[in-house]
Amino acid sequence: MSETSWQGDPIRCPYCVQGYEFRLMTELTGGTGGIFYCTACRHLVRTAEPDSQCFCRGCLNLRRPAPHLHAGHAAPTANQGGAGDLQDRRKFLVRSTGG
């Protein structure tokens, strides 16, 4: 496993930063299969299979609908404040998740 055997541009994780750049992903197939893995967040890229889906936390969060768009209710704003703000947020979450 090496990060330098891939012949194209370096593949970087879109979720992890190392220094001032996105983290280099580890090439898992020795330069033949184009499968890259981020050891920090478990993001997986298959260059030969562009339709493959990754199941890391970042990718799953991107595919999950936002609660305020999914439920049809306006999301509480950060400027509401006050003692009732926490209760309002809890009510919103219960309504939007159906629970």
C-alpha atoms as a PDB file:
ATOM      1  CA  MET A   1       0.000   0.000   0.000  1.00  0.00           C
ATOM      2  CA  SER A   2       1.473   3.309  -1.002  1.00  0.00           C
ATOM      3  CA  GLU A   3       0.379   6.814  -1.778  1.00  0.00           C
ATOM      4  CA  THR A   4       2.766   7.234  -4.728  1.00  0.00           C
ATOM      5  CA  SER A   5       2.113   4.255  -7.043  1.00  0.00           C
ATOM      6  CA  TRP A   6      -0.931   5.863  -8.713  1.00  0.00           C
ATOM      7  CA  GLN A   7       0.009   7.318 -12.112  1.00  0.00           C
ATOM      8  CA  GLY A   8      -2.511  10.217 -12.185  1.00  0.00           C
ATOM      9  CA  ASP A   9      -2.939  13.227  -9.950  1.00  0.00           C
ATOM     10  CA  PRO A  10      -2.791  12.486  -6.221  1.00  0.00           C
ATOM     11  CA  ILE A  11      -6.190  11.515  -4.849  1.00  0.00           C
ATOM     12  CA  ARG A  12      -7.133  13.522  -1.771  1.00  0.00           C
ATOM     13  CA  CYS A  13      -9.899  13.074   0.767  1.00  0.00           C
ATOM     14  CA  PRO A  14     -12.601  15.759   0.453  1.00  0.00           C
ATOM     15  CA  TYR A  15     -13.301  15.590   4.207  1.00  0.00           C
ATOM     16  CA  CYS A  16      -9.877  15.530   5.903  1.00  0.00           C
ATOM     17  CA  VAL A  17      -7.182  18.196   6.045  1.00  0.00           C
ATOM     18  CA  GLN A  18      -3.519  17.622   6.797  1.00  0.00           C
ATOM     19  CA  GLY A  19      -1.480  20.782   7.155  1.00  0.00           C
ATOM     20  CA  TYR A  20      -2.730  23.228   4.512  1.00  0.00           C
ATOM     21  CA  GLU A  21      -4.020  20.626   2.027  1.00  0.00           C
ATOM     22  CA  PHE A  22      -6.590  17.879   1.842  1.00  0.00           C
ATOM     23  CA  ARG A  23      -5.151  14.598   3.137  1.00  0.00           C
ATOM     24  CA  LEU A  24      -3.624  12.214   0.599  1.00  0.00           C
ATOM     25  CA  MET A  25      -5.511   8.943   0.330  1.00  0.00           C
ATOM     26  CA  THR A  26      -3.749   5.569   0.453  1.00  0.00           C
ATOM     27  CA  GLU A  27      -3.816   3.536  -2.761  1.00  0.00           C
ATOM     28  CA  LEU A  28      -4.918  -0.006  -1.885  1.00  0.00           C
ATOM     29  CA  THR A  29      -4.273  -1.958  -5.097  1.00  0.00           C
ATOM     30  CA  GLY A  30      -0.626  -1.274  -5.855  1.00  0.00           C
ATOM     31  CA  GLY A  31      -1.376   1.045  -8.769  1.00  0.00           C
ATOM     32  CA  THR A  32      -3.557  -1.358 -10.746  1.00  0.00           C
ATOM     33  CA  GLY A  33      -7.130  -0.933  -9.501  1.00  0.00           C
ATOM     34  CA  GLY A  34      -7.432   2.726  -8.607  1.00  0.00           C
ATOM     35  CA  ILE A  35      -8.954   2.160  -5.166  1.00  0.00           C
ATOM     36  CA  PHE A  36      -8.089   4.821  -2.592  1.00  0.00           C
ATOM     37  CA  TYR A  37      -8.806   4.906   1.129  1.00  0.00           C
ATOM     38  CA  CYS A  38      -8.576   7.675   3.737  1.00  0.00           C
ATOM     39  CA  THR A  39      -7.190   6.261   6.971  1.00  0.00           C
ATOM     40  CA  ALA A  40      -8.631   9.164   8.986  1.00  0.00           C
ATOM     41  CA  CYS A  41     -12.337   9.078   8.003  1.00  0.00           C
ATOM     42  CA  ARG A  42     -12.585   5.819   5.997  1.00  0.00           C
ATOM     43  CA  HIS A  43     -13.647   7.570   2.781  1.00  0.00           C
ATOM     44  CA  LEU A  44     -13.276   5.248  -0.230  1.00  0.00           C
ATOM     45  CA  VAL A  45     -12.779   6.221  -3.889  1.00  0.00           C
ATOM     46  CA  ARG A  46     -12.848   3.780  -6.809  1.00  0.00           C
ATOM     47  CA  THR A  47     -11.570   5.619  -9.873  1.00  0.00           C
ATOM     48  CA  ALA A  48     -12.560   2.810 -12.256  1.00  0.00           C
ATOM     49  CA  GLU A  49     -16.133   2.735 -10.881  1.00  0.00           C
ATOM     50  CA  PRO A  50     -17.471   6.316 -10.760  1.00  0.00           C
ATOM     51  CA  ASP A  51     -20.968   5.114  -9.750  1.00  0.00           C
ATOM     52  CA  SER A  52     -19.711   3.276  -6.652  1.00  0.00           C
ATOM     53  CA  GLN A  53     -20.964   4.716  -3.378  1.00  0.00           C
ATOM     54  CA  CYS A  54     -18.860   5.325  -0.306  1.00  0.00           C
ATOM     55  CA  PHE A  55     -20.367   4.670   3.112  1.00  0.00           C
ATOM     56  CA  CYS A  56     -18.091   6.849   5.237  1.00  0.00           C
ATOM     57  CA  ARG A  57     -19.736   9.262   7.671  1.00  0.00           C
ATOM     58  CA  GLY A  58     -19.134  12.293   5.411  1.00  0.00           C
ATOM     59  CA  CYS A  59     -20.759  10.689   2.376  1.00  0.00           C
ATOM     60  CA  LEU A  60     -23.701   9.366   4.384  1.00  0.00           C
ATOM     61  CA  ASN A  61     -24.306  12.851   5.809  1.00  0.00           C
ATOM     62  CA  LEU A  62     -24.355  14.309   2.301  1.00  0.00           C
ATOM     63  CA  ARG A  63     -26.995  11.807   1.160  1.00  0.00           C
ATOM     64  CA  ARG A  64     -29.209  12.367   4.218  1.00  0.00           C
ATOM     65  CA  PRO A  65     -31.923  14.998   3.660  1.00  0.00           C
ATOM     66  CA  ALA A  66     -31.822  18.087   5.849  1.00  0.00           C
ATOM     67  CA  PRO A  67     -34.601  17.994   8.497  1.00  0.00           C
ATOM     68  CA  HIS A  68     -36.040  21.404   7.617  1.00  0.00           C
ATOM     69  CA  LEU A  69     -36.296  20.494   3.919  1.00  0.00           C
ATOM     70  CA  HIS A  70     -37.605  16.990   4.525  1.00  0.00           C
ATOM     71  CA  ALA A  71     -40.337  17.873   7.025  1.00  0.00           C
ATOM     72  CA  GLY A  72     -41.588  21.040   5.348  1.00  0.00           C
ATOM     73  CA  HIS A  73     -41.098  23.147   8.486  1.00  0.00           C
ATOM     74  CA  ALA A  74     -38.772  26.101   8.925  1.00  0.00           C
ATOM     75  CA  ALA A  75     -35.708  25.275  10.990  1.00  0.00           C
ATOM     76  CA  PRO A  76     -35.196  27.239  14.204  1.00  0.00           C
ATOM     77  CA  THR A  77     -32.671  30.030  13.828  1.00  0.00           C
ATOM     78  CA  ALA A  78     -29.614  30.536  15.996  1.00  0.00           C
ATOM     79  CA  ASN A  79     -30.800  34.048  16.922  1.00  0.00           C
ATOM     80  CA  GLN A  80     -33.893  32.924  18.832  1.00  0.00           C
ATOM     81  CA  GLY A  81     -32.127  32.483  22.195  1.00  0.00           C
ATOM     82  CA  GLY A  82     -33.956  32.638  25.507  1.00  0.00           C
ATOM     83  CA  ALA A  83     -35.165  29.954  27.911  1.00  0.00           C
ATOM     84  CA  GLY A  84     -37.703  28.482  25.492  1.00  0.00           C
ATOM     85  CA  ASP A  85     -35.194  28.073  22.674  1.00  0.00           C
ATOM     86  CA  LEU A  86     -34.076  24.580  23.707  1.00  0.00           C
ATOM     87  CA  GLN A  87     -37.670  23.419  24.097  1.00  0.00           C
ATOM     88  CA  ASP A  88     -38.547  24.832  20.669  1.00  0.00           C
ATOM     89  CA  ARG A  89     -35.636  22.975  19.095  1.00  0.00           C
ATOM     90  CA  ARG A  90     -36.664  19.714  20.761  1.00  0.00           C
ATOM     91  CA  LYS A  91     -40.244  20.128  19.488  1.00  0.00           C
ATOM     92  CA  PHE A  92     -38.928  20.845  16.005  1.00  0.00           C
ATOM     93  CA  LEU A  93     -36.745  17.728  16.028  1.00  0.00           C
ATOM     94  CA  VAL A  94     -39.634  15.553  17.234  1.00  0.00           C
ATOM     95  CA  ARG A  95     -41.903  16.913  14.467  1.00  0.00           C
ATOM     96  CA  SER A  96     -39.275  16.568  11.741  1.00  0.00           C
ATOM     97  CA  THR A  97     -38.284  13.005  12.659  1.00  0.00           C
ATOM     98  CA  GLY A  98     -41.840  11.827  13.211  1.00  0.00           C
ATOM     99  CA  GLY A  99     -41.021  10.583  16.708  1.00  0.00           C
END
